[in-house]
Protein backbone atom coordinates (compact mmCIF):
# COMPACT_ATOMS: atom_id res chain seq x y z
CA MET A 1 -46.35 129.62 -36.33
CA ARG A 2 -42.58 129.66 -36.79
CA ARG A 3 -42.26 126.74 -34.42
CA VAL A 4 -44.79 124.71 -36.43
CA ASN A 5 -42.92 125.45 -39.66
CA LYS A 6 -39.67 124.45 -38.03
CA LEU A 7 -41.15 121.15 -36.80
CA ILE A 8 -42.63 120.40 -40.22
CA THR A 9 -39.30 121.16 -41.90
CA ILE A 10 -37.40 118.94 -39.49
CA GLY A 11 -39.99 116.19 -39.96
CA LEU A 12 -39.74 116.36 -43.75
CA ILE A 13 -35.96 116.28 -43.61
CA GLY A 14 -36.13 113.28 -41.29
CA VAL A 15 -38.55 111.40 -43.55
CA THR A 16 -36.41 112.19 -46.58
CA TYR A 17 -33.32 111.00 -44.75
CA LEU A 18 -34.94 107.72 -43.69
CA PHE A 19 -36.60 106.81 -46.98
CA GLY A 20 -34.41 108.61 -49.48
CA GLN A 21 -31.38 106.36 -49.15
CA VAL A 22 -30.17 104.74 -52.35
CA GLU A 23 -28.07 101.65 -52.81
CA LEU A 24 -24.64 102.89 -53.79
CA LEU A 25 -23.30 99.54 -54.96
CA ASN A 26 -24.91 98.10 -58.03
CA PRO A 27 -25.96 94.51 -57.17
CA ARG A 28 -24.36 93.37 -60.42
CA PHE A 29 -20.92 94.03 -58.94
CA LYS A 30 -21.42 92.21 -55.64
CA PHE A 31 -19.44 89.03 -55.21
CA THR A 32 -21.74 86.11 -55.84
CA PRO A 33 -20.94 82.56 -54.74
CA GLY A 34 -20.88 80.03 -57.54
CA ILE A 35 -19.79 82.41 -60.31
CA ARG A 36 -17.02 80.93 -62.43
CA TYR A 37 -13.98 83.09 -62.97
CA ASP A 38 -11.19 82.73 -65.51
CA GLN A 39 -8.57 80.69 -63.66
CA SER A 40 -5.74 82.02 -65.84
CA ILE A 41 -6.13 85.49 -64.30
CA SER A 42 -4.38 86.03 -60.99
CA SER A 43 -6.63 86.72 -58.04
CA PRO A 44 -5.57 89.40 -55.57
CA LYS A 45 -4.77 86.62 -53.09
CA ASP A 46 -2.56 84.82 -55.63
CA TYR A 47 -0.71 88.01 -56.55
CA LEU A 48 -0.38 89.68 -53.15
CA GLY A 49 -0.08 86.53 -51.05
CA TYR A 50 -2.92 87.40 -48.67
CA GLU A 51 -6.68 87.88 -48.70
CA LEU A 52 -7.76 91.47 -49.40
CA GLY A 53 -8.64 93.33 -46.24
CA THR A 54 -6.49 91.21 -43.95
CA GLU A 55 -3.37 93.35 -44.43
CA TYR A 56 -2.59 96.86 -45.59
CA THR A 57 -1.86 97.00 -49.32
CA LEU A 58 0.56 99.61 -50.59
CA TYR A 59 -0.59 101.78 -53.47
CA SER A 60 2.36 100.61 -55.56
CA ASP A 61 1.27 96.99 -55.02
CA VAL A 62 -2.25 97.83 -56.18
CA LEU A 63 -0.88 99.48 -59.33
CA SER A 64 1.38 96.52 -59.97
CA TYR A 65 -1.55 94.12 -59.61
CA LEU A 66 -3.65 96.22 -61.99
CA ARG A 67 -0.83 96.15 -64.56
CA THR A 68 -0.72 92.36 -64.20
CA LEU A 69 -4.49 92.21 -64.77
CA GLY A 70 -4.01 94.29 -67.91
CA GLU A 71 -1.49 91.77 -69.22
CA GLU A 72 -3.54 88.70 -68.30
CA SER A 73 -6.98 89.85 -69.39
CA ASP A 74 -8.33 91.34 -72.59
CA ARG A 75 -11.04 93.11 -70.55
CA VAL A 76 -8.67 95.36 -68.61
CA SER A 77 -6.64 98.06 -70.33
């Protein structure tokens, strides 16, 4: 009987694991081709000089870029 309970428990945990996954990234925040962005605001590539993910970015550079965004945009404070 204990073995049956153990198998049922493992099965339920497995089913929960397989079907209980949630999408962690809201689709609203995914990058979508064709969206128009404000050209007066520096992109990370414009500011850093390279595409994000191609090189290591220092924390101080990230903070500096965020400060620049705060100056250029009324939506970042």
